Amino acid sequence: MKLARWGLLALVAMAMPAFAEGGNVEAGRVKANTCMGCHGIPNYNNVYPTYRVPRIGGQTEAYIVAALKGYKNGERPHLTMRAQATNLSDQDMADIAAFFAHAPVHK
């Protein structure tokens, strides 16, 4: 049983680099221009509804892609983000994720 778990972990680890390399950082820089209007401003708070806009520089590619897909399919309920994600292709999401994953982390 223990050996089977290690085999599964090894399989997952081998598959991850293919996903991580799916996005193009430079293409993502262009495609993420709109994102920077909120996510690129330190300590930015949206007015209505009031919430702190998260900084996503340095976040993992997998997380950003999953979040964008969640907004696009309605699993995540934020209407502004849903509008932003609706027209993104899988490649657009991968490129944007690659850009933010390689962006500096600002605290």
N, C-alpha and C. Protein backbone atom coordinates (compact mmCIF):
# COMPACT_ATOMS: atom_id res chain seq x y z
N MET A 1 0.82 -1.19 0.00
CA MET A 1 0.00 0.00 0.00
C MET A 1 0.86 1.26 0.00
N LYS A 2 1.88 1.26 0.85
CA LYS A 2 2.77 2.41 0.95
C LYS A 2 3.48 2.65 -0.37
N LEU A 3 3.91 1.59 -1.02
CA LEU A 3 4.59 1.69 -2.30
C LEU A 3 3.65 2.25 -3.38
N ALA A 4 2.38 1.86 -3.35
CA ALA A 4 1.41 2.36 -4.32
C ALA A 4 1.23 3.87 -4.17
N ARG A 5 1.21 4.37 -2.94
CA ARG A 5 1.07 5.82 -2.72
C ARG A 5 2.27 6.57 -3.30
N TRP A 6 3.47 6.02 -3.11
CA TRP A 6 4.66 6.68 -3.65
C TRP A 6 4.62 6.70 -5.17
N GLY A 7 4.11 5.62 -5.75
CA GLY A 7 3.98 5.57 -7.21
C GLY A 7 3.01 6.62 -7.71
N LEU A 8 1.91 6.80 -7.00
CA LEU A 8 0.93 7.81 -7.37
C LEU A 8 1.51 9.21 -7.23
N LEU A 9 2.23 9.45 -6.13
CA LEU A 9 2.86 10.76 -5.94
C LEU A 9 3.89 11.04 -7.04
N ALA A 10 4.64 10.04 -7.42
CA ALA A 10 5.62 10.22 -8.49
C ALA A 10 4.94 10.54 -9.81
N LEU A 11 3.82 9.89 -10.09
CA LEU A 11 3.07 10.15 -11.31
C LEU A 11 2.54 11.58 -11.33
N VAL A 12 1.99 12.04 -10.22
CA VAL A 12 1.49 13.41 -10.12
C VAL A 12 2.64 14.40 -10.29
N ALA A 13 3.76 14.14 -9.65
CA ALA A 13 4.91 15.04 -9.74
C ALA A 13 5.42 15.14 -11.17
N MET A 14 5.39 14.05 -11.91
CA MET A 14 5.85 14.08 -13.30
C MET A 14 4.88 14.86 -14.18
N ALA A 15 3.60 14.84 -13.86
CA ALA A 15 2.60 15.52 -14.68
C ALA A 15 2.60 17.02 -14.43
N MET A 16 2.98 17.48 -13.25
CA MET A 16 2.90 18.89 -12.90
C MET A 16 3.76 19.79 -13.79
N PRO A 17 5.00 19.46 -14.11
CA PRO A 17 5.77 20.36 -14.95
C PRO A 17 5.13 20.62 -16.30
N ALA A 18 4.44 19.67 -16.88
CA ALA A 18 3.79 19.89 -18.16
C ALA A 18 2.73 20.97 -18.02
N PHE A 19 1.99 20.96 -16.93
CA PHE A 19 0.98 21.99 -16.70
C PHE A 19 1.66 23.33 -16.46
N ALA A 20 2.69 23.34 -15.63
CA ALA A 20 3.36 24.58 -15.28
C ALA A 20 3.99 25.24 -16.50
N GLU A 21 4.35 24.47 -17.48
CA GLU A 21 4.97 25.02 -18.68
C GLU A 21 3.95 25.36 -19.75
N GLY A 22 2.66 25.22 -19.45
CA GLY A 22 1.62 25.48 -20.44
C GLY A 22 1.40 26.94 -20.73
N GLY A 23 1.80 27.82 -19.82
CA GLY A 23 1.58 29.24 -20.01
C GLY A 23 2.82 29.96 -20.47
N ASN A 24 2.61 31.06 -21.18
CA ASN A 24 3.69 31.88 -21.69
C ASN A 24 3.70 33.18 -20.89
N VAL A 25 4.79 33.43 -20.19
CA VAL A 25 4.90 34.59 -19.31
C VAL A 25 4.72 35.89 -20.09
N GLU A 26 5.37 36.02 -21.22
CA GLU A 26 5.28 37.27 -22.00
C GLU A 26 3.88 37.49 -22.56
N ALA A 27 3.25 36.44 -23.06
CA ALA A 27 1.87 36.56 -23.53
C ALA A 27 0.96 36.91 -22.36
N GLY A 28 1.24 36.32 -21.21
CA GLY A 28 0.45 36.61 -20.01
C GLY A 28 0.59 38.04 -19.55
N ARG A 29 1.77 38.62 -19.74
CA ARG A 29 1.99 40.02 -19.35
C ARG A 29 1.01 40.93 -20.11
N VAL A 30 0.81 40.66 -21.38
CA VAL A 30 -0.12 41.44 -22.19
C VAL A 30 -1.56 41.15 -21.79
N LYS A 31 -1.88 39.88 -21.66
CA LYS A 31 -3.26 39.48 -21.34
C LYS A 31 -3.67 39.90 -19.93
N ALA A 32 -2.72 40.06 -19.02
CA ALA A 32 -3.02 40.41 -17.63
C ALA A 32 -3.12 41.92 -17.42
N ASN A 33 -3.03 42.69 -18.47
CA ASN A 33 -3.08 44.15 -18.35
C ASN A 33 -4.33 44.60 -17.59
N THR A 34 -5.47 44.04 -17.94
CA THR A 34 -6.72 44.41 -17.26
C THR A 34 -6.67 44.00 -15.79
N CYS A 35 -6.10 42.85 -15.50
CA CYS A 35 -6.01 42.35 -14.12
C CYS A 35 -5.25 43.33 -13.23
N MET A 36 -4.25 43.97 -13.81
CA MET A 36 -3.38 44.85 -13.03
C MET A 36 -4.12 46.08 -12.52
N GLY A 37 -5.24 46.43 -13.14
CA GLY A 37 -6.02 47.58 -12.69
C GLY A 37 -6.49 47.44 -11.25
N CYS A 38 -6.67 46.23 -10.78
CA CYS A 38 -7.05 45.99 -9.38
C CYS A 38 -5.97 45.23 -8.62
N HIS A 39 -5.49 44.14 -9.22
CA HIS A 39 -4.54 43.26 -8.53
C HIS A 39 -3.13 43.82 -8.49
N GLY A 40 -2.85 44.87 -9.24
CA GLY A 40 -1.51 45.44 -9.25
C GLY A 40 -1.34 46.64 -8.35
N ILE A 41 -2.38 47.00 -7.60
CA ILE A 41 -2.34 48.17 -6.73
C ILE A 41 -2.16 47.72 -5.28
N PRO A 42 -1.07 48.11 -4.64
CA PRO A 42 -0.85 47.71 -3.25
C PRO A 42 -1.99 48.19 -2.33
N ASN A 43 -2.45 47.31 -1.48
CA ASN A 43 -3.48 47.61 -0.47
C ASN A 43 -4.78 48.15 -1.07
N TYR A 44 -5.12 47.69 -2.26
CA TYR A 44 -6.33 48.17 -2.93
C TYR A 44 -7.58 47.55 -2.33
N ASN A 45 -8.59 48.39 -2.09
CA ASN A 45 -9.89 47.94 -1.61
C ASN A 45 -10.94 48.38 -2.61
N ASN A 46 -11.80 47.46 -3.00
CA ASN A 46 -12.91 47.77 -3.87
C ASN A 46 -13.95 48.56 -3.08
N VAL A 47 -14.64 49.48 -3.75
CA VAL A 47 -15.61 50.31 -3.06
C VAL A 47 -16.93 49.57 -2.80
N TYR A 48 -17.52 48.99 -3.85
CA TYR A 48 -18.78 48.29 -3.64
C TYR A 48 -18.83 47.05 -4.52
N PRO A 49 -19.03 45.91 -3.97
CA PRO A 49 -19.04 45.66 -2.53
C PRO A 49 -17.63 45.83 -1.97
N THR A 50 -17.53 46.23 -0.74
CA THR A 50 -16.23 46.52 -0.13
C THR A 50 -15.51 45.22 0.20
N TYR A 51 -14.31 45.09 -0.33
CA TYR A 51 -13.45 43.95 -0.01
C TYR A 51 -12.03 44.32 -0.40
N ARG A 52 -11.08 43.66 0.22
CA ARG A 52 -9.67 43.84 -0.09
C ARG A 52 -9.35 43.00 -1.32
N VAL A 53 -8.78 43.62 -2.33
CA VAL A 53 -8.40 42.90 -3.55
C VAL A 53 -7.09 42.18 -3.27
N PRO A 54 -7.07 40.87 -3.47
CA PRO A 54 -5.84 40.12 -3.16
C PRO A 54 -4.73 40.38 -4.16
N ARG A 55 -3.51 40.39 -3.66
CA ARG A 55 -2.32 40.46 -4.51
C ARG A 55 -2.07 39.05 -5.01
N ILE A 56 -1.85 38.88 -6.28
CA ILE A 56 -1.68 37.52 -6.80
C ILE A 56 -0.30 37.27 -7.40
N GLY A 57 0.59 38.26 -7.33
CA GLY A 57 1.96 38.04 -7.77
C GLY A 57 2.62 36.97 -6.92
N GLY A 58 3.23 35.98 -7.56
CA GLY A 58 3.89 34.90 -6.84
C GLY A 58 2.99 33.74 -6.50
N GLN A 59 1.70 33.86 -6.77
CA GLN A 59 0.76 32.75 -6.53
C GLN A 59 1.07 31.63 -7.52
N THR A 60 0.71 30.41 -7.21
CA THR A 60 1.02 29.30 -8.12
C THR A 60 0.13 29.34 -9.36
N GLU A 61 0.68 28.85 -10.45
CA GLU A 61 -0.07 28.80 -11.71
C GLU A 61 -1.34 27.97 -11.56
N ALA A 62 -1.22 26.83 -10.90
CA ALA A 62 -2.37 25.94 -10.75
C ALA A 62 -3.51 26.64 -10.01
N TYR A 63 -3.18 27.39 -8.97
CA TYR A 63 -4.21 28.08 -8.21
C TYR A 63 -4.89 29.15 -9.06
N ILE A 64 -4.12 29.93 -9.79
CA ILE A 64 -4.70 31.00 -10.61
C ILE A 64 -5.60 30.42 -11.69
N VAL A 65 -5.15 29.38 -12.36
CA VAL A 65 -5.98 28.74 -13.39
C VAL A 65 -7.27 28.21 -12.77
N ALA A 66 -7.16 27.52 -11.64
CA ALA A 66 -8.35 26.98 -10.99
C ALA A 66 -9.32 28.09 -10.59
N ALA A 67 -8.79 29.20 -10.08
CA ALA A 67 -9.64 30.32 -9.69
C ALA A 67 -10.34 30.92 -10.91
N LEU A 68 -9.60 31.14 -11.98
CA LEU A 68 -10.21 31.71 -13.20
C LEU A 68 -11.29 30.80 -13.76
N LYS A 69 -11.01 29.50 -13.76
CA LYS A 69 -12.03 28.55 -14.25
C LYS A 69 -13.25 28.56 -13.33
N GLY A 70 -13.03 28.70 -12.03
CA GLY A 70 -14.12 28.77 -11.08
C GLY A 70 -14.99 30.00 -11.30
N TYR A 71 -14.37 31.12 -11.60
CA TYR A 71 -15.14 32.34 -11.90
C TYR A 71 -15.90 32.16 -13.21
N LYS A 72 -15.23 31.59 -14.20
CA LYS A 72 -15.86 31.43 -15.51
C LYS A 72 -17.09 30.52 -15.46
N ASN A 73 -17.00 29.43 -14.72
CA ASN A 73 -18.13 28.49 -14.69
C ASN A 73 -19.12 28.77 -13.56
N GLY A 74 -18.90 29.82 -12.79
CA GLY A 74 -19.85 30.22 -11.76
C GLY A 74 -19.65 29.57 -10.40
N GLU A 75 -18.64 28.71 -10.25
CA GLU A 75 -18.37 28.11 -8.94
C GLU A 75 -17.92 29.15 -7.92
N ARG A 76 -17.25 30.17 -8.41
CA ARG A 76 -16.86 31.30 -7.56
C ARG A 76 -17.80 32.45 -7.89
N PRO A 77 -18.44 33.04 -6.89
CA PRO A 77 -19.55 33.95 -7.15
C PRO A 77 -19.23 35.42 -7.43
N HIS A 78 -18.00 35.83 -7.55
CA HIS A 78 -17.66 37.24 -7.73
C HIS A 78 -18.02 37.69 -9.15
N LEU A 79 -18.99 38.59 -9.28
CA LEU A 79 -19.51 38.97 -10.60
C LEU A 79 -18.50 39.69 -11.47
N THR A 80 -17.68 40.55 -10.90
CA THR A 80 -16.66 41.25 -11.71
C THR A 80 -15.65 40.26 -12.26
N MET A 81 -15.20 39.35 -11.40
CA MET A 81 -14.23 38.35 -11.86
C MET A 81 -14.86 37.41 -12.88
N ARG A 82 -16.12 37.10 -12.69
CA ARG A 82 -16.80 36.24 -13.67
C ARG A 82 -16.83 36.92 -15.03
N ALA A 83 -17.14 38.21 -15.04
CA ALA A 83 -17.15 38.96 -16.30
C ALA A 83 -15.77 38.98 -16.94
N GLN A 84 -14.73 39.09 -16.12
CA GLN A 84 -13.37 39.11 -16.66
C GLN A 84 -12.97 37.74 -17.23
N ALA A 85 -13.39 36.68 -16.57
CA ALA A 85 -12.96 35.33 -16.95
C ALA A 85 -13.80 34.71 -18.06
N THR A 86 -14.99 35.22 -18.28
CA THR A 86 -15.93 34.59 -19.21
C THR A 86 -15.35 34.34 -20.59
N ASN A 87 -14.62 35.28 -21.13
CA ASN A 87 -14.11 35.15 -22.50
C ASN A 87 -12.68 34.63 -22.58
N LEU A 88 -12.12 34.21 -21.46
CA LEU A 88 -10.75 33.69 -21.47
C LEU A 88 -10.74 32.24 -21.93
N SER A 89 -9.82 31.93 -22.83
CA SER A 89 -9.62 30.54 -23.24
C SER A 89 -8.73 29.86 -22.20
N ASP A 90 -8.61 28.55 -22.29
CA ASP A 90 -7.70 27.83 -21.39
C ASP A 90 -6.27 28.33 -21.55
N GLN A 91 -5.87 28.64 -22.80
CA GLN A 91 -4.51 29.16 -23.02
C GLN A 91 -4.35 30.54 -22.42
N ASP A 92 -5.37 31.40 -22.53
CA ASP A 92 -5.32 32.73 -21.90
C ASP A 92 -5.10 32.58 -20.40
N MET A 93 -5.85 31.68 -19.80
CA MET A 93 -5.73 31.46 -18.35
C MET A 93 -4.34 30.96 -17.99
N ALA A 94 -3.81 30.05 -18.77
CA ALA A 94 -2.47 29.52 -18.51
C ALA A 94 -1.42 30.62 -18.65
N ASP A 95 -1.56 31.47 -19.66
CA ASP A 95 -0.60 32.57 -19.86
C ASP A 95 -0.67 33.57 -18.72
N ILE A 96 -1.87 33.97 -18.33
CA ILE A 96 -2.04 34.91 -17.22
C ILE A 96 -1.47 34.31 -15.94
N ALA A 97 -1.74 33.03 -15.71
CA ALA A 97 -1.22 32.36 -14.52
C ALA A 97 0.30 32.32 -14.53
N ALA A 98 0.89 32.05 -15.68
CA ALA A 98 2.36 32.02 -15.78
C ALA A 98 2.94 33.40 -15.47
N PHE A 99 2.32 34.45 -15.97
CA PHE A 99 2.79 35.81 -15.70
C PHE A 99 2.76 36.10 -14.19
N PHE A 100 1.61 35.87 -13.56
CA PHE A 100 1.50 36.18 -12.14
C PHE A 100 2.35 35.28 -11.28
N ALA A 101 2.53 34.03 -11.66
CA ALA A 101 3.37 33.12 -10.88
C ALA A 101 4.83 33.58 -10.87
N HIS A 102 5.24 34.26 -11.94
CA HIS A 102 6.61 34.73 -12.04
C HIS A 102 6.76 36.21 -11.66
N ALA A 103 5.66 36.86 -11.31
CA ALA A 103 5.69 38.26 -10.91
C ALA A 103 6.23 38.37 -9.49
N PRO A 104 6.81 39.52 -9.16
CA PRO A 104 7.31 39.70 -7.80
C PRO A 104 6.18 39.68 -6.78
N VAL A 105 6.49 39.19 -5.61
CA VAL A 105 5.53 39.16 -4.51
C VAL A 105 5.70 40.45 -3.72
N HIS A 106 4.65 41.23 -3.65
CA HIS A 106 4.66 42.47 -2.86
C HIS A 106 3.79 42.27 -1.64
N LYS A 107 4.27 42.71 -0.51
CA LYS A 107 3.50 42.52 0.73
C LYS A 107 2.90 43.80 1.19
